[in-house]
C-alpha cells in the first residue's frame, strides 16, 4: 500500500549512518543545519555503536536500517557465507546477486544477516522507522521479499521502494552506470509492488540516478518538482576525510552534498514549495 496524501510530503534520507565517524558527523550536521529528516544505520560496521550514541543529539531524526550484506563483518553466523576467508564481506551488488543465482541457498544467509542487523538496532534502543539497503540489493525481488517479511516480523511500517521518474526537464545528466542502476531498480520496483502487501512505501524515491552528483541546484529543482503524496529523496552526506576509494566511490561528493543539504537557498525552496519535510516514523 503506498503512502499518499494531499499534502506534498518529503522524506530526506541520509544513507550510511555509522559508515565512519565522518559520515555520521556529516549526517547529523545535515539534519541539524539542513533539510535531512531521516537516516539509515549500517548496524554491522564498527562505527554503528558510536552513531547510535550520538542520536541523543538528534531527537527529531527518524532512524531506519541500511541493511548491509556487501561490506564489513557480518553480525550473524549464517552471514559468514557472504564473507571472505577473513570474515569480512566485500560484495559488489552485481557480484552478490550473481552468487545468489548460482547458489540460491545464499539467500537464506542474506535473510539471516539482515535479521541480525535489525535485531542489533532494536537491542540498542532504536525502533526502526523503515528499511532500505546498501547498494540497493533489496531491490532484487528475491531479497525484497525477505525484507518485507522482516518488516512485518518487527513491525517496521515502511520499506524503500525503487521508483524514480524525475518530473519535467532541467535535471543535470547522470553518470551512465548510475543511470543503468536506476533503470534496473525501477524495473525491479514494478515487480516488487506486487510483493509489498502489508508494508508501506513512498510514492517515489529520487536521487538514485544522481548518486554522488546531488548539489544545491539539484535539490532546488527537486523542490520545484515534488507532487502531492510522499517522496523520498535519497542522499549521502558526510564530513571529514576518513574514507578511501576501497570502501566507497563517494568521497569528496559527501562533503559537497552535506553543504548542499545545508544551503539556505535549498531550505527556502522547500519552504516556498509548501513541502512538509517528515520522516517515516511520523506517518
C-alpha atoms as a PDB file:
ATOM      1  CA  UNK A   1       0.000   0.000   0.000  1.00  0.00           C
ATOM      2  CA  UNK A   2       1.539   3.332  -0.998  1.00  0.00           C
ATOM      3  CA  UNK A   3       1.594   6.203   1.446  1.00  0.00           C
ATOM      4  CA  UNK A   4      -0.317   9.086  -0.100  1.00  0.00           C
ATOM      5  CA  UNK A   5      -1.813  12.371   0.999  1.00  0.00           C
ATOM      6  CA  UNK A   6      -2.999  15.647  -0.473  1.00  0.00           C
ATOM      7  CA  UNK A   7      -0.029  17.370   1.100  1.00  0.00           C
ATOM      8  CA  UNK A   8       3.419  17.386  -0.510  1.00  0.00           C
ATOM      9  CA  UNK A   9       5.497  15.368   1.924  1.00  0.00           C
ATOM     10  CA  UNK A  10       9.186  14.587   1.527  1.00  0.00           C
ATOM     11  CA  UNK A  11      11.459  12.269   3.492  1.00  0.00           C
ATOM     12  CA  UNK A  12      15.049  13.456   3.019  1.00  0.00           C
ATOM     13  CA  UNK A  13      17.005  10.350   3.977  1.00  0.00           C
ATOM     14  CA  UNK A  14      20.767  10.219   4.541  1.00  0.00           C
ATOM     15  CA  UNK A  15      22.085   6.724   3.888  1.00  0.00           C
ATOM     16  CA  UNK A  16      25.133   5.151   5.601  1.00  0.00           C
ATOM     17  CA  UNK A  17      24.788   6.347   9.218  1.00  0.00           C
ATOM     18  CA  UNK A  18      27.659   4.734  11.104  1.00  0.00           C
ATOM     19  CA  UNK A  19      29.759   4.087   7.980  1.00  0.00           C
ATOM     20  CA  UNK A  20      32.502   6.189   9.588  1.00  0.00           C
ATOM     21  CA  UNK A  21      32.819   8.957  12.149  1.00  0.00           C
ATOM     22  CA  UNK A  22      32.979  11.492   9.334  1.00  0.00           C
ATOM     23  CA  UNK A  23      29.843  10.189   7.621  1.00  0.00           C
ATOM     24  CA  UNK A  24      27.972  10.179  10.930  1.00  0.00           C
ATOM     25  CA  UNK A  25      29.079  13.747  11.651  1.00  0.00           C
ATOM     26  CA  UNK A  26      28.003  14.918   8.195  1.00  0.00           C
ATOM     27  CA  UNK A  27      24.576  13.329   8.529  1.00  0.00           C
ATOM     28  CA  UNK A  28      23.998  14.925  11.913  1.00  0.00           C
ATOM     29  CA  UNK A  29      25.053  18.297  10.551  1.00  0.00           C
ATOM     30  CA  UNK A  30      22.773  17.916   7.517  1.00  0.00           C
ATOM     31  CA  UNK A  31      19.910  17.230   9.939  1.00  0.00           C
ATOM     32  CA  UNK A  32      20.810  19.964  12.429  1.00  0.00           C
ATOM     33  CA  UNK A  33      21.557  22.723   9.900  1.00  0.00           C
ATOM     34  CA  UNK A  34      19.904  21.433   6.761  1.00  0.00           C
ATOM     35  CA  UNK A  35      16.905  19.568   5.392  1.00  0.00           C
ATOM     36  CA  UNK A  36      17.698  15.930   6.305  1.00  0.00           C
ATOM     37  CA  UNK A  37      14.855  14.373   8.285  1.00  0.00           C
ATOM     38  CA  UNK A  38      15.817  10.695   8.275  1.00  0.00           C
ATOM     39  CA  UNK A  39      18.774   8.342   8.188  1.00  0.00           C
ATOM     40  CA  UNK A  40      19.504   4.625   7.958  1.00  0.00           C
ATOM     41  CA  UNK A  41      22.168   2.931  10.054  1.00  0.00           C
ATOM     42  CA  UNK A  42      24.714   0.329   8.941  1.00  0.00           C
ATOM     43  CA  UNK A  43      24.456  -1.871  12.018  1.00  0.00           C
ATOM     44  CA  UNK A  44      27.341  -4.215  11.207  1.00  0.00           C
ATOM     45  CA  UNK A  45      30.050  -1.581  10.817  1.00  0.00           C
ATOM     46  CA  UNK A  46      32.400  -0.548  13.637  1.00  0.00           C
ATOM     47  CA  UNK A  47      31.012   2.995  13.713  1.00  0.00           C
ATOM     48  CA  UNK A  48      27.433   1.884  14.403  1.00  0.00           C
ATOM     49  CA  UNK A  49      27.577   1.937  18.221  1.00  0.00           C
ATOM     50  CA  UNK A  50      29.057   5.439  18.256  1.00  0.00           C
ATOM     51  CA  UNK A  51      26.417   6.575  15.761  1.00  0.00           C
ATOM     52  CA  UNK A  52      23.592   5.266  17.966  1.00  0.00           C
ATOM     53  CA  UNK A  53      25.066   7.076  20.981  1.00  0.00           C
ATOM     54  CA  UNK A  54      25.044  10.332  19.034  1.00  0.00           C
ATOM     55  CA  UNK A  55      21.318  10.068  18.319  1.00  0.00           C
ATOM     56  CA  UNK A  56      20.857  11.850  21.650  1.00  0.00           C
ATOM     57  CA  UNK A  57      21.886  14.964  19.695  1.00  0.00           C
ATOM     58  CA  UNK A  58      19.117  14.480  17.134  1.00  0.00           C
ATOM     59  CA  UNK A  59      15.836  13.634  18.819  1.00  0.00           C
ATOM     60  CA  UNK A  60      13.779  14.557  15.735  1.00  0.00           C
ATOM     61  CA  UNK A  61      15.779  12.414  13.300  1.00  0.00           C
ATOM     62  CA  UNK A  62      13.992   9.333  12.004  1.00  0.00           C
ATOM     63  CA  UNK A  63      16.210   6.234  12.032  1.00  0.00           C
ATOM     64  CA  UNK A  64      15.847   3.152   9.861  1.00  0.00           C
ATOM     65  CA  UNK A  65      18.196   0.292   8.998  1.00  0.00           C
ATOM     66  CA  UNK A  66      20.521   0.327   5.995  1.00  0.00           C
ATOM     67  CA  UNK A  67      20.650  -3.441   5.517  1.00  0.00           C
ATOM     68  CA  UNK A  68      24.200  -4.301   4.527  1.00  0.00           C
ATOM     69  CA  UNK A  69      25.275  -7.621   3.035  1.00  0.00           C
ATOM     70  CA  UNK A  70      28.016  -6.026   0.949  1.00  0.00           C
ATOM     71  CA  UNK A  71      30.643  -4.623   3.317  1.00  0.00           C
ATOM     72  CA  UNK A  72      32.144  -5.270   6.720  1.00  0.00           C
ATOM     73  CA  UNK A  73      31.891  -8.152   9.186  1.00  0.00           C
ATOM     74  CA  UNK A  74      28.537  -9.928   9.361  1.00  0.00           C
ATOM     75  CA  UNK A  75      26.638  -9.952  12.649  1.00  0.00           C
ATOM     76  CA  UNK A  76      25.264 -13.474  12.165  1.00  0.00           C
ATOM     77  CA  UNK A  77      26.946 -16.841  11.874  1.00  0.00           C
ATOM     78  CA  UNK A  78      24.965 -17.503   8.702  1.00  0.00           C
ATOM     79  CA  UNK A  79      26.284 -14.245   7.250  1.00  0.00           C
ATOM     80  CA  UNK A  80      29.806 -15.668   7.193  1.00  0.00           C
ATOM     81  CA  UNK A  81      28.742 -17.446   3.994  1.00  0.00           C
ATOM     82  CA  UNK A  82      28.719 -13.989   2.397  1.00  0.00           C
ATOM     83  CA  UNK A  83      32.211 -13.099   3.642  1.00  0.00           C
ATOM     84  CA  UNK A  84      35.765 -13.775   2.524  1.00  0.00           C
ATOM     85  CA  UNK A  85      38.054 -16.090   4.465  1.00  0.00           C
ATOM     86  CA  UNK A  86      38.921 -13.269   6.902  1.00  0.00           C
ATOM     87  CA  UNK A  87      35.261 -12.891   7.907  1.00  0.00           C
ATOM     88  CA  UNK A  88      34.682  -9.605   6.067  1.00  0.00           C
ATOM     89  CA  UNK A  89      32.069  -9.070   3.336  1.00  0.00           C
ATOM     90  CA  UNK A  90      33.351  -7.456   0.159  1.00  0.00           C
ATOM     91  CA  UNK A  91      30.444  -7.844  -2.245  1.00  0.00           C
ATOM     92  CA  UNK A  92      29.543  -5.628  -5.136  1.00  0.00           C
ATOM     93  CA  UNK A  93      25.822  -5.668  -5.838  1.00  0.00           C
ATOM     94  CA  UNK A  94      26.095  -7.495  -9.157  1.00  0.00           C
ATOM     95  CA  UNK A  95      28.592  -9.993  -7.766  1.00  0.00           C
ATOM     96  CA  UNK A  96      26.353 -10.722  -4.785  1.00  0.00           C
ATOM     97  CA  UNK A  97      23.261 -11.255  -6.901  1.00  0.00           C
ATOM     98  CA  UNK A  98      25.226 -13.469  -9.282  1.00  0.00           C
ATOM     99  CA  UNK A  99      26.436 -15.604  -6.364  1.00  0.00           C
ATOM    100  CA  UNK A 100      22.859 -15.922  -5.116  1.00  0.00           C
ATOM    101  CA  UNK A 101      21.653 -17.002  -8.546  1.00  0.00           C
ATOM    102  CA  UNK A 102      24.348 -19.660  -8.720  1.00  0.00           C
ATOM    103  CA  UNK A 103      23.853 -20.729  -5.089  1.00  0.00           C
ATOM    104  CA  UNK A 104      20.233 -19.995  -4.106  1.00  0.00           C
ATOM    105  CA  UNK A 105      20.899 -21.114  -0.529  1.00  0.00           C
ATOM    106  CA  UNK A 106      22.891 -17.913  -0.050  1.00  0.00           C
ATOM    107  CA  UNK A 107      19.569 -16.078   0.012  1.00  0.00           C
ATOM    108  CA  UNK A 108      18.945 -17.675   3.401  1.00  0.00           C
ATOM    109  CA  UNK A 109      22.256 -16.216   4.599  1.00  0.00           C
ATOM    110  CA  UNK A 110      21.176 -12.814   3.279  1.00  0.00           C
ATOM    111  CA  UNK A 111      17.899 -13.060   5.164  1.00  0.00           C
ATOM    112  CA  UNK A 112      19.585 -14.185   8.382  1.00  0.00           C
ATOM    113  CA  UNK A 113      22.159 -11.395   8.247  1.00  0.00           C
ATOM    114  CA  UNK A 114      19.500  -8.755   7.602  1.00  0.00           C
ATOM    115  CA  UNK A 115      17.511 -10.139  10.535  1.00  0.00           C
ATOM    116  CA  UNK A 116      20.572  -9.907  12.801  1.00  0.00           C
ATOM    117  CA  UNK A 117      21.137  -6.288  11.805  1.00  0.00           C
ATOM    118  CA  UNK A 118      17.541  -5.308  12.577  1.00  0.00           C
ATOM    119  CA  UNK A 119      17.775  -7.055  15.945  1.00  0.00           C
ATOM    120  CA  UNK A 120      21.034  -5.217  16.706  1.00  0.00           C
ATOM    121  CA  UNK A 121      19.292  -1.885  16.162  1.00  0.00           C
ATOM    122  CA  UNK A 122      16.346  -2.922  18.322  1.00  0.00           C
ATOM    123  CA  UNK A 123      18.701  -4.156  21.047  1.00  0.00           C
ATOM    124  CA  UNK A 124      20.347  -0.727  21.064  1.00  0.00           C
ATOM    125  CA  UNK A 125      17.091   1.018  21.871  1.00  0.00           C
ATOM    126  CA  UNK A 126      16.046   2.176  18.408  1.00  0.00           C
ATOM    127  CA  UNK A 127      12.824   1.025  16.757  1.00  0.00           C
ATOM    128  CA  UNK A 128      13.437   1.453  13.017  1.00  0.00           C
ATOM    129  CA  UNK A 129      11.165   3.722  11.013  1.00  0.00           C
ATOM    130  CA  UNK A 130      11.910   1.887   7.768  1.00  0.00           C
ATOM    131  CA  UNK A 131      14.264  -0.456   5.921  1.00  0.00           C
ATOM    132  CA  UNK A 132      16.460   0.106   2.897  1.00  0.00           C
ATOM    133  CA  UNK A 133      19.754  -1.436   1.792  1.00  0.00           C
ATOM    134  CA  UNK A 134      23.366  -0.734   0.941  1.00  0.00           C
ATOM    135  CA  UNK A 135      23.958  -0.752  -2.799  1.00  0.00           C
ATOM    136  CA  UNK A 136      20.200  -1.244  -3.296  1.00  0.00           C
ATOM    137  CA  UNK A 137      20.427  -5.032  -3.123  1.00  0.00           C
ATOM    138  CA  UNK A 138      16.935  -5.303  -1.621  1.00  0.00           C
ATOM    139  CA  UNK A 139      15.636  -4.065  -4.956  1.00  0.00           C
ATOM    140  CA  UNK A 140      16.200  -7.570  -6.314  1.00  0.00           C
ATOM    141  CA  UNK A 141      12.816  -9.302  -5.904  1.00  0.00           C
ATOM    142  CA  UNK A 142      14.083 -12.394  -4.046  1.00  0.00           C
ATOM    143  CA  UNK A 143      15.774 -10.187  -1.435  1.00  0.00           C
ATOM    144  CA  UNK A 144      12.907  -7.693  -1.393  1.00  0.00           C
ATOM    145  CA  UNK A 145      10.504 -10.477  -0.408  1.00  0.00           C
ATOM    146  CA  UNK A 146      12.716 -11.347   2.570  1.00  0.00           C
ATOM    147  CA  UNK A 147      12.982  -7.708   3.618  1.00  0.00           C
ATOM    148  CA  UNK A 148       9.193  -7.379   3.523  1.00  0.00           C
ATOM    149  CA  UNK A 149       8.951 -10.387   5.861  1.00  0.00           C
ATOM    150  CA  UNK A 150      11.441  -8.718   8.208  1.00  0.00           C
ATOM    151  CA  UNK A 151       9.416  -5.517   8.216  1.00  0.00           C
ATOM    152  CA  UNK A 152       6.288  -7.444   9.168  1.00  0.00           C
ATOM    153  CA  UNK A 153       8.116  -9.506  11.812  1.00  0.00           C
ATOM    154  CA  UNK A 154       9.442  -6.439  13.605  1.00  0.00           C
ATOM    155  CA  UNK A 155       6.528  -4.086  12.961  1.00  0.00           C
ATOM    156  CA  UNK A 156       8.513  -1.737  10.738  1.00  0.00           C
ATOM    157  CA  UNK A 157       5.935   0.058   8.603  1.00  0.00           C
ATOM    158  CA  UNK A 158       7.955   1.241   5.582  1.00  0.00           C
ATOM    159  CA  UNK A 159      10.375  -0.309   3.089  1.00  0.00           C
ATOM    160  CA  UNK A 160      12.168   1.746   0.446  1.00  0.00           C
ATOM    161  CA  UNK A 161      10.626   1.088  -2.946  1.00  0.00           C
ATOM    162  CA  UNK A 162      12.653   1.988  -6.019  1.00  0.00           C
ATOM    163  CA  UNK A 163      10.585   4.189  -8.298  1.00  0.00           C
ATOM    164  CA  UNK A 164      12.439   7.126  -9.800  1.00  0.00           C
ATOM    165  CA  UNK A 165      10.794   9.083 -12.600  1.00  0.00           C
ATOM    166  CA  UNK A 166      12.025  12.654 -12.257  1.00  0.00           C
ATOM    167  CA  UNK A 167       9.348  15.089 -13.466  1.00  0.00           C
ATOM    168  CA  UNK A 168       9.819  17.761 -16.065  1.00  0.00           C
ATOM    169  CA  UNK A 169      13.075  18.975 -17.587  1.00  0.00           C
ATOM    170  CA  UNK A 170      16.190  20.744 -16.362  1.00  0.00           C
ATOM    171  CA  UNK A 171      17.773  17.863 -14.472  1.00  0.00           C
ATOM    172  CA  UNK A 172      21.550  17.501 -14.887  1.00  0.00           C
ATOM    173  CA  UNK A 173      22.962  14.484 -16.695  1.00  0.00           C
ATOM    174  CA  UNK A 174      23.591  11.365 -14.640  1.00  0.00           C
ATOM    175  CA  UNK A 175      26.569   9.046 -14.935  1.00  0.00           C
ATOM    176  CA  UNK A 176      25.715   6.284 -17.436  1.00  0.00           C
ATOM    177  CA  UNK A 177      26.478   3.492 -14.962  1.00  0.00           C
ATOM    178  CA  UNK A 178      24.301   5.032 -12.273  1.00  0.00           C
ATOM    179  CA  UNK A 179      21.530   5.688 -14.779  1.00  0.00           C
ATOM    180  CA  UNK A 180      21.582   1.980 -15.648  1.00  0.00           C
ATOM    181  CA  UNK A 181      21.252   1.141 -11.952  1.00  0.00           C
ATOM    182  CA  UNK A 182      18.183   3.380 -11.753  1.00  0.00           C
ATOM    183  CA  UNK A 183      16.613   1.753 -14.816  1.00  0.00           C
ATOM    184  CA  UNK A 184      17.211  -1.727 -13.429  1.00  0.00           C
ATOM    185  CA  UNK A 185      15.898  -0.965  -9.941  1.00  0.00           C
ATOM    186  CA  UNK A 186      12.841   0.729 -11.447  1.00  0.00           C
ATOM    187  CA  UNK A 187      12.145  -2.472 -13.362  1.00  0.00           C
ATOM    188  CA  UNK A 188      12.522  -4.496 -10.176  1.00  0.00           C
ATOM    189  CA  UNK A 189      10.316  -1.961  -8.390  1.00  0.00           C
ATOM    190  CA  UNK A 190       7.411  -2.678 -10.709  1.00  0.00           C
ATOM    191  CA  UNK A 191       7.693  -6.373  -9.845  1.00  0.00           C
ATOM    192  CA  UNK A 192       8.179  -5.690  -6.132  1.00  0.00           C
ATOM    193  CA  UNK A 193       4.981  -3.651  -5.954  1.00  0.00           C
ATOM    194  CA  UNK A 194       3.156  -6.980  -6.202  1.00  0.00           C
ATOM    195  CA  UNK A 195       5.051  -8.338  -3.196  1.00  0.00           C
ATOM    196  CA  UNK A 196       4.701  -5.364  -0.865  1.00  0.00           C
ATOM    197  CA  UNK A 197       1.353  -6.240   0.723  1.00  0.00           C
ATOM    198  CA  UNK A 198       1.384  -5.402   4.399  1.00  0.00           C
ATOM    199  CA  UNK A 199       4.106  -2.741   4.267  1.00  0.00           C
ATOM    200  CA  UNK A 200       4.081   0.847   3.066  1.00  0.00           C
ATOM    201  CA  UNK A 201       6.381   2.788   0.782  1.00  0.00           C
ATOM    202  CA  UNK A 202       6.792   6.238  -0.688  1.00  0.00           C
ATOM    203  CA  UNK A 203       5.134   7.075  -3.977  1.00  0.00           C
ATOM    204  CA  UNK A 204       8.568   7.795  -5.445  1.00  0.00           C
ATOM    205  CA  UNK A 205      12.231   7.610  -4.476  1.00  0.00           C
ATOM    206  CA  UNK A 206      14.573  10.174  -6.020  1.00  0.00           C
ATOM    207  CA  UNK A 207      18.355  10.502  -6.018  1.00  0.00           C
ATOM    208  CA  UNK A 208      19.414   7.123  -7.316  1.00  0.00           C
ATOM    209  CA  UNK A 209      20.453   8.127 -10.822  1.00  0.00           C
ATOM    210  CA  UNK A 210      22.314  11.167  -9.455  1.00  0.00           C
ATOM    211  CA  UNK A 211      24.044   9.443  -6.534  1.00  0.00           C
ATOM    212  CA  UNK A 212      27.268  11.366  -5.945  1.00  0.00           C
ATOM    213  CA  UNK A 213      26.081  14.320  -8.029  1.00  0.00           C
ATOM    214  CA  UNK A 214      23.405  15.912  -5.855  1.00  0.00           C
ATOM    215  CA  UNK A 215      24.113  19.594  -5.332  1.00  0.00           C
ATOM    216  CA  UNK A 216      22.129  22.652  -4.275  1.00  0.00           C
ATOM    217  CA  UNK A 217      20.784  23.242  -7.798  1.00  0.00           C
ATOM    218  CA  UNK A 218      19.552  19.624  -7.961  1.00  0.00           C
ATOM    219  CA  UNK A 219      17.779  19.976  -4.618  1.00  0.00           C
ATOM    220  CA  UNK A 220      16.131  23.252  -5.650  1.00  0.00           C
ATOM    221  CA  UNK A 221      14.987  21.567  -8.871  1.00  0.00           C
ATOM    222  CA  UNK A 222      13.636  18.670  -6.786  1.00  0.00           C
ATOM    223  CA  UNK A 223      11.677  21.061  -4.569  1.00  0.00           C
ATOM    224  CA  UNK A 224      10.003  22.501  -7.673  1.00  0.00           C
ATOM    225  CA  UNK A 225       9.142  19.019  -8.934  1.00  0.00           C
ATOM    226  CA  UNK A 226       7.610  17.482  -5.809  1.00  0.00           C
ATOM    227  CA  UNK A 227       3.974  16.491  -6.261  1.00  0.00           C
ATOM    228  CA  UNK A 228       1.221  15.672  -3.760  1.00  0.00           C
ATOM    229  CA  UNK A 229       1.896  12.455  -1.890  1.00  0.00           C
ATOM    230  CA  UNK A 230       5.079  11.095  -0.342  1.00  0.00           C
ATOM    231  CA  UNK A 231       8.500  11.325  -1.977  1.00  0.00           C
ATOM    232  CA  UNK A 232      11.776  10.051  -0.556  1.00  0.00           C
ATOM    233  CA  UNK A 233      14.954  11.862  -1.555  1.00  0.00           C
ATOM    234  CA  UNK A 234      17.966   9.618  -1.011  1.00  0.00           C
ATOM    235  CA  UNK A 235      21.193  11.432  -0.094  1.00  0.00           C
ATOM    236  CA  UNK A 236      24.765  10.621   1.036  1.00  0.00           C
ATOM    237  CA  UNK A 237      26.224  13.479   3.098  1.00  0.00           C
ATOM    238  CA  UNK A 238      29.425  13.195   5.080  1.00  0.00           C
ATOM    239  CA  UNK A 239      32.265  15.152   6.642  1.00  0.00           C
ATOM    240  CA  UNK A 240      35.961  14.529   7.189  1.00  0.00           C
ATOM    241  CA  UNK A 241      38.476  12.513   5.247  1.00  0.00           C
ATOM    242  CA  UNK A 242      38.176   9.134   6.959  1.00  0.00           C
ATOM    243  CA  UNK A 243      37.098   7.094   3.917  1.00  0.00           C
ATOM    244  CA  UNK A 244      39.069   5.723   0.998  1.00  0.00           C
ATOM    245  CA  UNK A 245      38.302   4.565  -2.514  1.00  0.00           C
ATOM    246  CA  UNK A 246      38.498   0.908  -1.486  1.00  0.00           C
ATOM    247  CA  UNK A 247      35.486   1.457   0.793  1.00  0.00           C
ATOM    248  CA  UNK A 248      33.286   3.735  -1.327  1.00  0.00           C
ATOM    249  CA  UNK A 249      33.346   5.724  -4.525  1.00  0.00           C
ATOM    250  CA  UNK A 250      31.599   8.570  -2.685  1.00  0.00           C
ATOM    251  CA  UNK A 251      34.442  10.603  -1.201  1.00  0.00           C
ATOM    252  CA  UNK A 252      34.560  14.351  -1.915  1.00  0.00           C
ATOM    253  CA  UNK A 253      30.933  14.189  -3.024  1.00  0.00           C
ATOM    254  CA  UNK A 254      29.820  13.526   0.573  1.00  0.00           C
ATOM    255  CA  UNK A 255      31.204  16.845   1.799  1.00  0.00           C
ATOM    256  CA  UNK A 256      29.724  18.661  -1.189  1.00  0.00           C
ATOM    257  CA  UNK A 257      26.352  17.029  -0.636  1.00  0.00           C
ATOM    258  CA  UNK A 258      26.384  17.943   3.058  1.00  0.00           C
ATOM    259  CA  UNK A 259      26.994  21.577   2.099  1.00  0.00           C
ATOM    260  CA  UNK A 260      24.154  21.457  -0.434  1.00  0.00           C
ATOM    261  CA  UNK A 261      21.717  19.996   2.093  1.00  0.00           C
ATOM    262  CA  UNK A 262      22.604  22.843   4.483  1.00  0.00           C
ATOM    263  CA  UNK A 263      22.323  25.560   1.822  1.00  0.00           C
ATOM    264  CA  UNK A 264      19.821  28.268   2.936  1.00  0.00           C
ATOM    265  CA  UNK A 265      18.573  28.521  -0.640  1.00  0.00           C
ATOM    266  CA  UNK A 266      17.627  24.848  -0.608  1.00  0.00           C
ATOM    267  CA  UNK A 267      15.751  25.168   2.664  1.00  0.00           C
ATOM    268  CA  UNK A 268      13.946  28.206   1.258  1.00  0.00           C
ATOM    269  CA  UNK A 269      12.995  26.337  -1.918  1.00  0.00           C
ATOM    270  CA  UNK A 270      11.337  23.588   0.136  1.00  0.00           C
ATOM    271  CA  UNK A 271       9.547  26.181   2.264  1.00  0.00           C
ATOM    272  CA  UNK A 272       8.295  28.140  -0.762  1.00  0.00           C
ATOM    273  CA  UNK A 273       7.144  24.894  -2.369  1.00  0.00           C
ATOM    274  CA  UNK A 274       4.829  24.197   0.544  1.00  0.00           C
ATOM    275  CA  UNK A 275       6.642  20.934   1.239  1.00  0.00           C
ATOM    276  CA  UNK A 276       6.292  19.187   4.581  1.00  0.00           C
ATOM    277  CA  UNK A 277       9.596  17.538   5.492  1.00  0.00           C
ATOM    278  CA  UNK A 278       8.926  14.393   7.523  1.00  0.00           C
ATOM    279  CA  UNK A 279      10.424  11.057   8.441  1.00  0.00           C
ATOM    280  CA  UNK A 280       8.706   7.706   8.083  1.00  0.00           C
ATOM    281  CA  UNK A 281       8.017   7.405  11.784  1.00  0.00           C
ATOM    282  CA  UNK A 282       5.750  10.465  11.606  1.00  0.00           C
ATOM    283  CA  UNK A 283       3.418   8.960   9.015  1.00  0.00           C
END
